């Protein structure tokens, strides 16, 4: 029996064809959900990184303006 036809549940190995059809469908759905969760986590990590990048860019863009304004007011 090939490895792709086996699944391990709570440390016990089962043959996929021996499992009820609904259980096979549930296992497939669980796999899809885990893939979706991993994809969403990657997207979240990328989004957070972009937010931080934009935040830093905005802060650096306004900081020189604030320093120039303070110099103009002091003179």
PDB file of N, CA and C in Angstrom:
ATOM      1  N   UNK A   1       0.857  -1.189   0.000  1.00  0.00           N
ATOM      2  CA  UNK A   1       0.000   0.000   0.000  1.00  0.00           C
ATOM      3  C   UNK A   1       0.891   1.236   0.000  1.00  0.00           C
ATOM      4  N   UNK A   2       0.590   2.214  -0.830  1.00  0.00           N
ATOM      5  CA  UNK A   2       1.415   3.415  -0.929  1.00  0.00           C
ATOM      6  C   UNK A   2       1.109   4.370   0.214  1.00  0.00           C
ATOM      7  N   UNK A   3       2.089   5.238   0.504  1.00  0.00           N
ATOM      8  CA  UNK A   3       1.966   6.183   1.613  1.00  0.00           C
ATOM      9  C   UNK A   3       0.807   7.157   1.428  1.00  0.00           C
ATOM     10  N   UNK A   4       0.488   7.543   0.177  1.00  0.00           N
ATOM     11  CA  UNK A   4      -0.579   8.528  -0.011  1.00  0.00           C
ATOM     12  C   UNK A   4      -1.959   7.958   0.304  1.00  0.00           C
ATOM     13  N   UNK A   5      -2.058   6.648   0.469  1.00  0.00           N
ATOM     14  CA  UNK A   5      -3.339   6.036   0.811  1.00  0.00           C
ATOM     15  C   UNK A   5      -3.482   5.778   2.307  1.00  0.00           C
ATOM     16  N   UNK A   6      -2.562   6.353   3.095  1.00  0.00           N
ATOM     17  CA  UNK A   6      -2.612   6.162   4.541  1.00  0.00           C
ATOM     18  C   UNK A   6      -2.746   7.508   5.234  1.00  0.00           C
ATOM     19  N   UNK A   7      -3.360   7.477   6.387  1.00  0.00           N
ATOM     20  CA  UNK A   7      -3.500   8.678   7.204  1.00  0.00           C
ATOM     21  C   UNK A   7      -3.263   8.273   8.655  1.00  0.00           C
ATOM     22  N   UNK A   8      -2.623   9.156   9.409  1.00  0.00           N
ATOM     23  CA  UNK A   8      -2.372   8.891  10.825  1.00  0.00           C
ATOM     24  C   UNK A   8      -3.273   9.787  11.652  1.00  0.00           C
ATOM     25  N   UNK A   9      -4.058   9.165  12.524  1.00  0.00           N
ATOM     26  CA  UNK A   9      -4.974   9.884  13.398  1.00  0.00           C
ATOM     27  C   UNK A   9      -4.679   9.450  14.831  1.00  0.00           C
ATOM     28  N   UNK A  10      -4.303  10.415  15.664  1.00  0.00           N
ATOM     29  CA  UNK A  10      -3.947  10.125  17.060  1.00  0.00           C
ATOM     30  C   UNK A  10      -2.918   9.008  17.167  1.00  0.00           C
ATOM     31  N   UNK A  11      -1.910   9.059  16.297  1.00  0.00           N
ATOM     32  CA  UNK A  11      -0.828   8.090  16.345  1.00  0.00           C
ATOM     33  C   UNK A  11      -1.155   6.740  15.727  1.00  0.00           C
ATOM     34  N   UNK A  12      -2.351   6.570  15.261  1.00  0.00           N
ATOM     35  CA  UNK A  12      -2.796   5.313  14.648  1.00  0.00           C
ATOM     36  C   UNK A  12      -2.869   5.490  13.139  1.00  0.00           C
ATOM     37  N   UNK A  13      -2.294   4.562  12.401  1.00  0.00           N
ATOM     38  CA  UNK A  13      -2.301   4.641  10.943  1.00  0.00           C
ATOM     39  C   UNK A  13      -3.514   3.909  10.373  1.00  0.00           C
ATOM     40  N   UNK A  14      -4.201   4.585   9.429  1.00  0.00           N
ATOM     41  CA  UNK A  14      -5.382   4.022   8.791  1.00  0.00           C
ATOM     42  C   UNK A  14      -5.208   4.048   7.279  1.00  0.00           C
ATOM     43  N   UNK A  15      -5.801   3.067   6.633  1.00  0.00           N
ATOM     44  CA  UNK A  15      -5.835   3.040   5.185  1.00  0.00           C
ATOM     45  C   UNK A  15      -7.030   3.870   4.735  1.00  0.00           C
ATOM     46  N   UNK A  16      -6.796   4.866   3.881  1.00  0.00           N
ATOM     47  CA  UNK A  16      -7.886   5.749   3.441  1.00  0.00           C
ATOM     48  C   UNK A  16      -9.058   4.972   2.836  1.00  0.00           C
ATOM     49  N   UNK A  17      -8.816   4.010   1.935  1.00  0.00           N
ATOM     50  CA  UNK A  17      -9.958   3.307   1.337  1.00  0.00           C
ATOM     51  C   UNK A  17     -10.809   2.535   2.355  1.00  0.00           C
ATOM     52  N   UNK A  18     -10.212   2.197   3.509  1.00  0.00           N
ATOM     53  CA  UNK A  18     -10.957   1.467   4.537  1.00  0.00           C
ATOM     54  C   UNK A  18     -11.835   2.371   5.388  1.00  0.00           C
ATOM     55  N   UNK A  19     -11.611   3.668   5.316  1.00  0.00           N
ATOM     56  CA  UNK A  19     -12.394   4.611   6.127  1.00  0.00           C
ATOM     57  C   UNK A  19     -13.724   4.899   5.441  1.00  0.00           C
ATOM     58  N   UNK A  20     -14.743   5.267   6.236  1.00  0.00           N
ATOM     59  CA  UNK A  20     -16.030   5.651   5.630  1.00  0.00           C
ATOM     60  C   UNK A  20     -15.848   6.823   4.665  1.00  0.00           C
ATOM     61  N   UNK A  21     -16.679   6.883   3.649  1.00  0.00           N
ATOM     62  CA  UNK A  21     -16.587   7.931   2.631  1.00  0.00           C
ATOM     63  C   UNK A  21     -16.665   9.311   3.266  1.00  0.00           C
ATOM     64  N   UNK A  22     -17.556   9.493   4.235  1.00  0.00           N
ATOM     65  CA  UNK A  22     -17.678  10.799   4.893  1.00  0.00           C
ATOM     66  C   UNK A  22     -16.389  11.165   5.618  1.00  0.00           C
ATOM     67  N   UNK A  23     -15.747  10.189   6.261  1.00  0.00           N
ATOM     68  CA  UNK A  23     -14.486  10.453   6.954  1.00  0.00           C
ATOM     69  C   UNK A  23     -13.398  10.820   5.952  1.00  0.00           C
ATOM     70  N   UNK A  24     -13.372  10.149   4.808  1.00  0.00           N
ATOM     71  CA  UNK A  24     -12.414  10.495   3.760  1.00  0.00           C
ATOM     72  C   UNK A  24     -12.643  11.934   3.285  1.00  0.00           C
ATOM     73  N   UNK A  25     -13.900  12.303   3.107  1.00  0.00           N
ATOM     74  CA  UNK A  25     -14.239  13.669   2.685  1.00  0.00           C
ATOM     75  C   UNK A  25     -13.837  14.675   3.762  1.00  0.00           C
ATOM     76  N   UNK A  26     -14.068  14.331   5.029  1.00  0.00           N
ATOM     77  CA  UNK A  26     -13.684  15.224   6.129  1.00  0.00           C
ATOM     78  C   UNK A  26     -12.167  15.411   6.187  1.00  0.00           C
ATOM     79  N   UNK A  27     -11.429  14.343   5.949  1.00  0.00           N
ATOM     80  CA  UNK A  27      -9.968  14.426   5.948  1.00  0.00           C
ATOM     81  C   UNK A  27      -9.498  15.322   4.806  1.00  0.00           C
ATOM     82  N   UNK A  28     -10.105  15.171   3.642  1.00  0.00           N
ATOM     83  CA  UNK A  28      -9.751  16.010   2.499  1.00  0.00           C
ATOM     84  C   UNK A  28     -10.061  17.473   2.798  1.00  0.00           C
ATOM     85  N   UNK A  29     -11.217  17.712   3.406  1.00  0.00           N
ATOM     86  CA  UNK A  29     -11.602  19.091   3.741  1.00  0.00           C
ATOM     87  C   UNK A  29     -10.657  19.681   4.769  1.00  0.00           C
ATOM     88  N   UNK A  30     -10.270  18.890   5.762  1.00  0.00           N
ATOM     89  CA  UNK A  30      -9.321  19.346   6.776  1.00  0.00           C
ATOM     90  C   UNK A  30      -8.000  19.745   6.126  1.00  0.00           C
ATOM     91  N   UNK A  31      -7.552  18.950   5.180  1.00  0.00           N
ATOM     92  CA  UNK A  31      -6.322  19.268   4.451  1.00  0.00           C
ATOM     93  C   UNK A  31      -6.466  20.598   3.706  1.00  0.00           C
ATOM     94  N   UNK A  32      -7.600  20.786   3.025  1.00  0.00           N
ATOM     95  CA  UNK A  32      -7.854  22.041   2.304  1.00  0.00           C
ATOM     96  C   UNK A  32      -7.853  23.229   3.259  1.00  0.00           C
ATOM     97  N   UNK A  33      -8.485  23.059   4.419  1.00  0.00           N
ATOM     98  CA  UNK A  33      -8.548  24.148   5.394  1.00  0.00           C
ATOM     99  C   UNK A  33      -7.170  24.493   5.946  1.00  0.00           C
ATOM    100  N   UNK A  34      -6.345  23.477   6.164  1.00  0.00           N
ATOM    101  CA  UNK A  34      -4.984  23.736   6.649  1.00  0.00           C
ATOM    102  C   UNK A  34      -4.165  24.479   5.608  1.00  0.00           C
ATOM    103  N   UNK A  35      -4.331  24.106   4.341  1.00  0.00           N
ATOM    104  CA  UNK A  35      -3.645  24.829   3.270  1.00  0.00           C
ATOM    105  C   UNK A  35      -4.123  26.275   3.197  1.00  0.00           C
ATOM    106  N   UNK A  36      -5.436  26.471   3.320  1.00  0.00           N
ATOM    107  CA  UNK A  36      -5.991  27.828   3.290  1.00  0.00           C
ATOM    108  C   UNK A  36      -5.477  28.648   4.470  1.00  0.00           C
ATOM    109  N   UNK A  37      -5.402  28.033   5.649  1.00  0.00           N
ATOM    110  CA  UNK A  37      -4.904  28.736   6.832  1.00  0.00           C
ATOM    111  C   UNK A  37      -3.443  29.139   6.641  1.00  0.00           C
ATOM    112  N   UNK A  38      -2.642  28.259   6.062  1.00  0.00           N
ATOM    113  CA  UNK A  38      -1.235  28.576   5.816  1.00  0.00           C
ATOM    114  C   UNK A  38      -1.123  29.722   4.807  1.00  0.00           C
ATOM    115  N   UNK A  39      -1.955  29.690   3.762  1.00  0.00           N
ATOM    116  CA  UNK A  39      -1.948  30.758   2.762  1.00  0.00           C
ATOM    117  C   UNK A  39      -2.349  32.087   3.402  1.00  0.00           C
ATOM    118  N   UNK A  40      -3.386  32.056   4.212  1.00  0.00           N
ATOM    119  CA  UNK A  40      -3.840  33.280   4.877  1.00  0.00           C
ATOM    120  C   UNK A  40      -2.787  33.810   5.850  1.00  0.00           C
ATOM    121  N   UNK A  41      -2.085  32.907   6.536  1.00  0.00           N
ATOM    122  CA  UNK A  41      -1.034  33.336   7.459  1.00  0.00           C
ATOM    123  C   UNK A  41       0.091  34.018   6.693  1.00  0.00           C
ATOM    124  N   UNK A  42       0.465  33.459   5.528  1.00  0.00           N
ATOM    125  CA  UNK A  42       1.489  34.101   4.704  1.00  0.00           C
ATOM    126  C   UNK A  42       1.022  35.476   4.260  1.00  0.00           C
ATOM    127  N   UNK A  43      -0.235  35.581   3.822  1.00  0.00           N
ATOM    128  CA  UNK A  43      -0.780  36.871   3.400  1.00  0.00           C
ATOM    129  C   UNK A  43      -0.787  37.863   4.557  1.00  0.00           C
ATOM    130  N   UNK A  44      -1.161  37.398   5.740  1.00  0.00           N
ATOM    131  CA  UNK A  44      -1.164  38.270   6.919  1.00  0.00           C
ATOM    132  C   UNK A  44       0.243  38.758   7.223  1.00  0.00           C
ATOM    133  N   UNK A  45       1.215  37.850   7.186  1.00  0.00           N
ATOM    134  CA  UNK A  45       2.599  38.247   7.453  1.00  0.00           C
ATOM    135  C   UNK A  45       3.074  39.281   6.433  1.00  0.00           C
ATOM    136  N   UNK A  46       2.744  39.063   5.161  1.00  0.00           N
ATOM    137  CA  UNK A  46       3.128  40.022   4.129  1.00  0.00           C
ATOM    138  C   UNK A  46       2.434  41.364   4.339  1.00  0.00           C
ATOM    139  N   UNK A  47       1.166  41.331   4.703  1.00  0.00           N
ATOM    140  CA  UNK A  47       0.406  42.555   4.922  1.00  0.00           C
ATOM    141  C   UNK A  47       0.965  43.342   6.102  1.00  0.00           C
ATOM    142  N   UNK A  48       1.269  42.647   7.173  1.00  0.00           N
ATOM    143  CA  UNK A  48       1.848  43.319   8.345  1.00  0.00           C
ATOM    144  C   UNK A  48       3.189  43.939   7.968  1.00  0.00           C
ATOM    145  N   UNK A  49       4.000  43.224   7.200  1.00  0.00           N
ATOM    146  CA  UNK A  49       5.278  43.768   6.750  1.00  0.00           C
ATOM    147  C   UNK A  49       5.095  45.019   5.902  1.00  0.00           C
ATOM    148  N   UNK A  50       4.123  44.984   5.006  1.00  0.00           N
ATOM    149  CA  UNK A  50       3.854  46.160   4.172  1.00  0.00           C
ATOM    150  C   UNK A  50       3.349  47.331   5.001  1.00  0.00           C
ATOM    151  N   UNK A  51       2.496  47.052   5.977  1.00  0.00           N
ATOM    152  CA  UNK A  51       2.004  48.112   6.867  1.00  0.00           C
ATOM    153  C   UNK A  51       3.186  48.757   7.584  1.00  0.00           C
ATOM    154  N   UNK A  52       4.099  47.953   8.093  1.00  0.00           N
ATOM    155  CA  UNK A  52       5.262  48.489   8.791  1.00  0.00           C
ATOM    156  C   UNK A  52       6.144  49.310   7.853  1.00  0.00           C
ATOM    157  N   UNK A  53       6.278  48.827   6.607  1.00  0.00           N
ATOM    158  CA  UNK A  53       7.088  49.551   5.631  1.00  0.00           C
ATOM    159  C   UNK A  53       6.467  50.911   5.311  1.00  0.00           C
ATOM    160  N   UNK A  54       5.157  50.922   5.053  1.00  0.00           N
ATOM    161  CA  UNK A  54       4.480  52.197   4.770  1.00  0.00           C
ATOM    162  C   UNK A  54       4.542  53.126   5.979  1.00  0.00           C
ATOM    163  N   UNK A  55       4.354  52.581   7.165  1.00  0.00           N
ATOM    164  CA  UNK A  55       4.410  53.377   8.389  1.00  0.00           C
ATOM    165  C   UNK A  55       5.777  54.038   8.531  1.00  0.00           C
ATOM    166  N   UNK A  56       6.827  53.265   8.320  1.00  0.00           N
ATOM    167  CA  UNK A  56       8.183  53.816   8.427  1.00  0.00           C
ATOM    168  C   UNK A  56       8.425  54.868   7.345  1.00  0.00           C
ATOM    169  N   UNK A  57       7.935  54.599   6.149  1.00  0.00           N
ATOM    170  CA  UNK A  57       8.100  55.567   5.061  1.00  0.00           C
ATOM    171  C   UNK A  57       7.386  56.871   5.335  1.00  0.00           C
ATOM    172  N   UNK A  58       6.184  56.775   5.865  1.00  0.00           N
ATOM    173  CA  UNK A  58       5.415  57.984   6.191  1.00  0.00           C
ATOM    174  C   UNK A  58       6.114  58.776   7.282  1.00  0.00           C
ATOM    175  N   UNK A  59       6.577  58.070   8.318  1.00  0.00           N
ATOM    176  CA  UNK A  59       7.265  58.752   9.416  1.00  0.00           C
ATOM    177  C   UNK A  59       8.523  59.457   8.921  1.00  0.00           C
ATOM    178  N   UNK A  60       9.268  58.782   8.039  1.00  0.00           N
ATOM    179  CA  UNK A  60      10.490  59.412   7.556  1.00  0.00           C
ATOM    180  C   UNK A  60      10.177  60.555   6.595  1.00  0.00           C
ATOM    181  N   UNK A  61       9.057  60.484   5.895  1.00  0.00           N
ATOM    182  CA  UNK A  61       8.681  61.559   4.968  1.00  0.00           C
ATOM    183  C   UNK A  61       8.256  62.819   5.701  1.00  0.00           C
ATOM    184  N   UNK A  62       7.615  62.680   6.850  1.00  0.00           N
ATOM    185  CA  UNK A  62       7.140  63.867   7.570  1.00  0.00           C
ATOM    186  C   UNK A  62       8.159  64.401   8.559  1.00  0.00           C
ATOM    187  N   UNK A  63       9.075  63.594   8.987  1.00  0.00           N
ATOM    188  CA  UNK A  63      10.040  64.049   9.977  1.00  0.00           C
ATOM    189  C   UNK A  63      10.876  65.224   9.488  1.00  0.00           C
ATOM    190  N   UNK A  64      11.455  65.201   8.300  1.00  0.00           N
ATOM    191  CA  UNK A  64      12.222  66.377   7.848  1.00  0.00           C
ATOM    192  C   UNK A  64      11.347  67.632   7.755  1.00  0.00           C
ATOM    193  N   UNK A  65      10.093  67.468   7.377  1.00  0.00           N
ATOM    194  CA  UNK A  65       9.184  68.613   7.291  1.00  0.00           C
ATOM    195  C   UNK A  65       8.995  69.207   8.679  1.00  0.00           C
ATOM    196  N   UNK A  66       8.811  68.372   9.680  1.00  0.00           N
ATOM    197  CA  UNK A  66       8.633  68.865  11.049  1.00  0.00           C
ATOM    198  C   UNK A  66       9.888  69.586  11.524  1.00  0.00           C
ATOM    199  N   UNK A  67      11.072  69.018  11.214  1.00  0.00           N
ATOM    200  CA  UNK A  67      12.319  69.664  11.639  1.00  0.00           C
ATOM    201  C   UNK A  67      12.484  71.017  10.942  1.00  0.00           C
ATOM    202  N   UNK A  68      12.177  71.115   9.661  1.00  0.00           N
ATOM    203  CA  UNK A  68      12.274  72.374   8.929  1.00  0.00           C
ATOM    204  C   UNK A  68      11.290  73.403   9.491  1.00  0.00           C
ATOM    205  N   UNK A  69      10.067  72.955   9.825  1.00  0.00           N
ATOM    206  CA  UNK A  69       9.085  73.867  10.412  1.00  0.00           C
ATOM    207  C   UNK A  69       9.557  74.405  11.743  1.00  0.00           C
ATOM    208  N   UNK A  70      10.158  73.541  12.563  1.00  0.00           N
ATOM    209  CA  UNK A  70      10.663  73.964  13.878  1.00  0.00           C
ATOM    210  C   UNK A  70      11.791  74.979  13.723  1.00  0.00           C
ATOM    211  N   UNK A  71      12.660  74.795  12.726  1.00  0.00           N
ATOM    212  CA  UNK A  71      13.748  75.737  12.471  1.00  0.00           C
ATOM    213  C   UNK A  71      13.175  77.085  12.028  1.00  0.00           C
ATOM    214  N   UNK A  72      12.187  77.056  11.176  1.00  0.00           N
ATOM    215  CA  UNK A  72      11.576  78.297  10.671  1.00  0.00           C
ATOM    216  C   UNK A  72      10.899  79.049  11.804  1.00  0.00           C
ATOM    217  N   UNK A  73      10.235  78.370  12.699  1.00  0.00           N
ATOM    218  CA  UNK A  73       9.553  79.007  13.821  1.00  0.00           C
ATOM    219  C   UNK A  73      10.568  79.588  14.783  1.00  0.00           C
ATOM    220  N   UNK A  74      11.694  78.905  15.005  1.00  0.00           N
ATOM    221  CA  UNK A  74      12.723  79.361  15.948  1.00  0.00           C
ATOM    222  C   UNK A  74      13.424  80.609  15.429  1.00  0.00           C
ATOM    223  N   UNK A  75      13.468  80.827  14.142  1.00  0.00           N
ATOM    224  CA  UNK A  75      14.193  81.975  13.595  1.00  0.00           C
ATOM    225  C   UNK A  75      13.336  83.152  13.623  1.00  0.00           C
TER     226      UNK A  75
END
